[in-house]
Amino acid sequence: MLQLIGVYDRVRLDDFIADHSLPEQVYIREERFRGRPWFVLFHSLHPDQPSAQDAMRSLPPELAALEPWIRKLPEGVELEVMQRQDAQP
């Protein structure tokens, strides 16, 4: 998984998604960080480390500047799938 950002405020995350050039689908997970809800945005899902590294190298500069990282989550972790508002059905 290629993680872009994590924020405490879901509205701020939704605004980020609306304001940036992202894939048609992105993935969100609510976690806890320092005792508070923490909303994590994943750019894309990948079957292995090399494909995630390829995706990271191809990010546009504005997203690469966020210093994204490759993250592995345990099997069965649920993610919210978010469709871009301008995506075609």
N, C-alpha and C. Protein backbone atom coordinates (compact mmCIF):
# COMPACT_ATOMS: atom_id res chain seq x y z
N MET A 1 0.85 -1.16 0.00
CA MET A 1 0.00 0.00 0.00
C MET A 1 0.90 1.23 0.00
N LEU A 2 0.46 2.22 -0.71
CA LEU A 2 1.22 3.47 -0.79
C LEU A 2 0.45 4.53 0.00
N GLN A 3 0.97 4.86 1.18
CA GLN A 3 0.30 5.82 2.05
C GLN A 3 0.80 7.23 1.75
N LEU A 4 -0.16 8.14 1.57
CA LEU A 4 0.19 9.53 1.28
C LEU A 4 0.26 10.38 2.54
N ILE A 5 -0.84 10.42 3.29
CA ILE A 5 -0.90 11.30 4.46
C ILE A 5 -1.78 10.67 5.54
N GLY A 6 -1.68 11.24 6.72
CA GLY A 6 -2.58 10.94 7.81
C GLY A 6 -2.92 12.26 8.49
N VAL A 7 -4.18 12.44 8.85
CA VAL A 7 -4.63 13.69 9.49
C VAL A 7 -5.65 13.37 10.57
N TYR A 8 -5.80 14.28 11.52
CA TYR A 8 -6.78 14.09 12.58
C TYR A 8 -8.20 14.44 12.15
N ASP A 9 -8.35 15.25 11.13
CA ASP A 9 -9.66 15.79 10.75
C ASP A 9 -10.13 15.18 9.42
N ARG A 10 -11.23 14.46 9.45
CA ARG A 10 -11.74 13.80 8.24
C ARG A 10 -12.12 14.83 7.17
N VAL A 11 -12.67 15.96 7.57
CA VAL A 11 -13.03 16.99 6.59
C VAL A 11 -11.78 17.48 5.86
N ARG A 12 -10.71 17.64 6.59
CA ARG A 12 -9.45 18.06 5.97
C ARG A 12 -8.96 17.01 4.97
N LEU A 13 -9.13 15.74 5.30
CA LEU A 13 -8.75 14.67 4.38
C LEU A 13 -9.61 14.71 3.12
N ASP A 14 -10.92 14.88 3.29
CA ASP A 14 -11.82 14.97 2.14
C ASP A 14 -11.46 16.16 1.25
N ASP A 15 -11.11 17.28 1.86
CA ASP A 15 -10.68 18.46 1.09
C ASP A 15 -9.40 18.17 0.31
N PHE A 16 -8.47 17.48 0.95
CA PHE A 16 -7.22 17.11 0.28
C PHE A 16 -7.52 16.26 -0.95
N ILE A 17 -8.39 15.28 -0.80
CA ILE A 17 -8.74 14.40 -1.91
C ILE A 17 -9.36 15.21 -3.06
N ALA A 18 -10.24 16.14 -2.73
CA ALA A 18 -10.90 16.95 -3.75
C ALA A 18 -9.92 17.89 -4.47
N ASP A 19 -8.88 18.32 -3.76
CA ASP A 19 -7.97 19.34 -4.29
C ASP A 19 -6.75 18.79 -5.03
N HIS A 20 -6.55 17.48 -5.03
CA HIS A 20 -5.33 16.91 -5.62
C HIS A 20 -5.65 15.90 -6.72
N SER A 21 -4.72 15.76 -7.60
CA SER A 21 -4.84 14.80 -8.70
C SER A 21 -4.49 13.42 -8.16
N LEU A 22 -5.52 12.62 -7.95
CA LEU A 22 -5.37 11.29 -7.37
C LEU A 22 -6.00 10.25 -8.30
N PRO A 23 -5.71 8.99 -8.07
CA PRO A 23 -6.36 7.95 -8.88
C PRO A 23 -7.88 7.99 -8.73
N GLU A 24 -8.57 7.31 -9.63
CA GLU A 24 -10.03 7.26 -9.59
C GLU A 24 -10.54 6.76 -8.25
N GLN A 25 -9.84 5.79 -7.67
CA GLN A 25 -10.18 5.29 -6.34
C GLN A 25 -9.00 5.50 -5.41
N VAL A 26 -9.30 5.96 -4.21
CA VAL A 26 -8.30 6.01 -3.14
C VAL A 26 -8.89 5.27 -1.95
N TYR A 27 -8.06 5.03 -0.96
CA TYR A 27 -8.46 4.19 0.17
C TYR A 27 -8.18 4.91 1.47
N ILE A 28 -9.14 4.81 2.39
CA ILE A 28 -9.05 5.50 3.67
C ILE A 28 -9.20 4.49 4.79
N ARG A 29 -8.44 4.71 5.83
CA ARG A 29 -8.55 3.88 7.02
C ARG A 29 -8.54 4.79 8.23
N GLU A 30 -9.50 4.56 9.13
CA GLU A 30 -9.50 5.30 10.39
C GLU A 30 -8.75 4.46 11.41
N GLU A 31 -7.75 5.08 12.02
CA GLU A 31 -6.93 4.44 13.05
C GLU A 31 -6.95 5.32 14.29
N ARG A 32 -6.14 4.98 15.26
CA ARG A 32 -5.95 5.83 16.45
C ARG A 32 -4.48 6.22 16.48
N PHE A 33 -4.24 7.49 16.75
CA PHE A 33 -2.87 7.99 16.86
C PHE A 33 -2.84 8.99 18.00
N ARG A 34 -1.99 8.74 18.96
CA ARG A 34 -1.90 9.60 20.15
C ARG A 34 -3.26 9.77 20.82
N GLY A 35 -4.03 8.67 20.84
CA GLY A 35 -5.31 8.66 21.52
C GLY A 35 -6.46 9.33 20.79
N ARG A 36 -6.24 9.72 19.55
CA ARG A 36 -7.28 10.42 18.78
C ARG A 36 -7.53 9.69 17.46
N PRO A 37 -8.73 9.92 16.88
CA PRO A 37 -8.97 9.36 15.54
C PRO A 37 -7.95 9.94 14.55
N TRP A 38 -7.47 9.08 13.68
CA TRP A 38 -6.44 9.45 12.70
C TRP A 38 -6.87 8.86 11.37
N PHE A 39 -7.00 9.70 10.37
CA PHE A 39 -7.50 9.29 9.06
C PHE A 39 -6.33 9.20 8.08
N VAL A 40 -6.12 8.00 7.56
CA VAL A 40 -4.98 7.72 6.70
C VAL A 40 -5.48 7.58 5.26
N LEU A 41 -4.76 8.21 4.34
CA LEU A 41 -5.09 8.13 2.92
C LEU A 41 -4.05 7.28 2.19
N PHE A 42 -4.55 6.23 1.54
CA PHE A 42 -3.70 5.38 0.72
C PHE A 42 -3.95 5.71 -0.75
N HIS A 43 -2.89 6.00 -1.45
CA HIS A 43 -2.96 6.33 -2.87
C HIS A 43 -3.36 5.11 -3.69
N SER A 44 -2.76 3.97 -3.38
CA SER A 44 -2.98 2.78 -4.19
C SER A 44 -2.57 1.52 -3.43
N LEU A 45 -3.15 0.40 -3.86
CA LEU A 45 -2.86 -0.91 -3.27
C LEU A 45 -1.96 -1.68 -4.23
N HIS A 46 -1.02 -2.44 -3.68
CA HIS A 46 -0.05 -3.16 -4.51
C HIS A 46 0.19 -4.56 -3.96
N PRO A 47 0.41 -5.52 -4.85
CA PRO A 47 0.62 -6.90 -4.40
C PRO A 47 1.99 -7.13 -3.76
N ASP A 48 2.95 -6.23 -4.06
CA ASP A 48 4.29 -6.45 -3.52
C ASP A 48 5.05 -5.12 -3.45
N GLN A 49 6.19 -5.17 -2.78
CA GLN A 49 7.03 -3.98 -2.58
C GLN A 49 7.51 -3.37 -3.90
N PRO A 50 8.00 -4.16 -4.86
CA PRO A 50 8.47 -3.54 -6.11
C PRO A 50 7.39 -2.76 -6.86
N SER A 51 6.17 -3.27 -6.91
CA SER A 51 5.12 -2.53 -7.63
C SER A 51 4.75 -1.25 -6.87
N ALA A 52 4.79 -1.28 -5.55
CA ALA A 52 4.54 -0.07 -4.77
C ALA A 52 5.65 0.95 -4.99
N GLN A 53 6.90 0.48 -5.07
CA GLN A 53 8.02 1.39 -5.34
C GLN A 53 7.89 2.02 -6.72
N ASP A 54 7.45 1.25 -7.70
CA ASP A 54 7.23 1.80 -9.05
C ASP A 54 6.17 2.90 -9.00
N ALA A 55 5.08 2.64 -8.28
CA ALA A 55 4.01 3.64 -8.16
C ALA A 55 4.52 4.90 -7.47
N MET A 56 5.35 4.73 -6.43
CA MET A 56 5.88 5.88 -5.72
C MET A 56 6.76 6.73 -6.64
N ARG A 57 7.56 6.08 -7.46
CA ARG A 57 8.44 6.81 -8.38
C ARG A 57 7.65 7.57 -9.45
N SER A 58 6.44 7.14 -9.73
CA SER A 58 5.66 7.79 -10.79
C SER A 58 4.67 8.83 -10.25
N LEU A 59 4.72 9.11 -8.95
CA LEU A 59 3.81 10.13 -8.39
C LEU A 59 4.14 11.50 -8.96
N PRO A 60 3.12 12.34 -9.14
CA PRO A 60 3.39 13.73 -9.54
C PRO A 60 4.17 14.44 -8.42
N PRO A 61 4.94 15.46 -8.77
CA PRO A 61 5.77 16.15 -7.78
C PRO A 61 5.02 16.61 -6.53
N GLU A 62 3.79 17.10 -6.70
CA GLU A 62 3.03 17.60 -5.54
C GLU A 62 2.75 16.48 -4.53
N LEU A 63 2.56 15.25 -5.00
CA LEU A 63 2.33 14.13 -4.09
C LEU A 63 3.64 13.54 -3.58
N ALA A 64 4.65 13.50 -4.42
CA ALA A 64 5.97 13.01 -3.99
C ALA A 64 6.53 13.88 -2.87
N ALA A 65 6.22 15.19 -2.90
CA ALA A 65 6.70 16.11 -1.88
C ALA A 65 6.15 15.79 -0.49
N LEU A 66 5.08 15.01 -0.43
CA LEU A 66 4.50 14.62 0.86
C LEU A 66 5.31 13.52 1.55
N GLU A 67 6.31 13.01 0.86
CA GLU A 67 7.14 11.92 1.36
C GLU A 67 6.30 10.69 1.72
N PRO A 68 5.55 10.17 0.75
CA PRO A 68 4.73 8.98 1.01
C PRO A 68 5.61 7.78 1.34
N TRP A 69 4.99 6.78 1.90
CA TRP A 69 5.76 5.58 2.23
C TRP A 69 4.94 4.34 1.94
N ILE A 70 5.67 3.25 1.78
CA ILE A 70 5.05 1.96 1.53
C ILE A 70 4.73 1.33 2.88
N ARG A 71 3.53 0.85 2.99
CA ARG A 71 3.07 0.31 4.26
C ARG A 71 2.37 -1.02 4.02
N LYS A 72 2.63 -1.96 4.88
CA LYS A 72 1.95 -3.26 4.81
C LYS A 72 0.98 -3.34 5.98
N LEU A 73 -0.27 -3.66 5.67
CA LEU A 73 -1.28 -3.84 6.71
C LEU A 73 -1.56 -5.32 6.88
N PRO A 74 -2.00 -5.71 8.06
CA PRO A 74 -2.34 -7.12 8.28
C PRO A 74 -3.48 -7.57 7.37
N GLU A 75 -3.51 -8.86 7.07
CA GLU A 75 -4.61 -9.45 6.29
C GLU A 75 -5.95 -9.11 6.93
N GLY A 76 -6.93 -8.85 6.10
CA GLY A 76 -8.29 -8.63 6.58
C GLY A 76 -8.61 -7.23 7.05
N VAL A 77 -7.64 -6.32 7.01
CA VAL A 77 -7.90 -4.94 7.42
C VAL A 77 -8.86 -4.32 6.42
N GLU A 78 -9.91 -3.69 6.94
CA GLU A 78 -10.90 -3.07 6.06
C GLU A 78 -10.51 -1.64 5.74
N LEU A 79 -10.72 -1.28 4.49
CA LEU A 79 -10.45 0.08 4.02
C LEU A 79 -11.72 0.64 3.40
N GLU A 80 -11.91 1.93 3.57
CA GLU A 80 -13.00 2.61 2.87
C GLU A 80 -12.50 2.95 1.48
N VAL A 81 -13.26 2.59 0.47
CA VAL A 81 -12.91 2.93 -0.90
C VAL A 81 -13.64 4.22 -1.25
N MET A 82 -12.89 5.21 -1.68
CA MET A 82 -13.49 6.49 -2.04
C MET A 82 -13.31 6.73 -3.52
N GLN A 83 -14.40 6.95 -4.21
CA GLN A 83 -14.42 7.26 -5.63
C GLN A 83 -14.24 8.77 -5.78
N ARG A 84 -13.39 9.18 -6.72
CA ARG A 84 -13.28 10.61 -7.01
C ARG A 84 -14.62 11.14 -7.46
N GLN A 85 -14.94 12.36 -7.10
CA GLN A 85 -16.22 12.98 -7.47
C GLN A 85 -16.37 13.13 -8.98
N ASP A 86 -15.27 13.36 -9.68
CA ASP A 86 -15.36 13.59 -11.13
C ASP A 86 -15.18 12.31 -11.93
N ALA A 87 -15.13 11.16 -11.26
CA ALA A 87 -14.96 9.89 -11.97
C ALA A 87 -16.25 9.52 -12.71
N GLN A 88 -16.09 8.90 -13.85
CA GLN A 88 -17.25 8.46 -14.63
C GLN A 88 -17.78 7.15 -14.05
N PRO A 89 -19.10 6.94 -14.05
CA PRO A 89 -19.65 5.68 -13.52
C PRO A 89 -19.27 4.49 -14.37
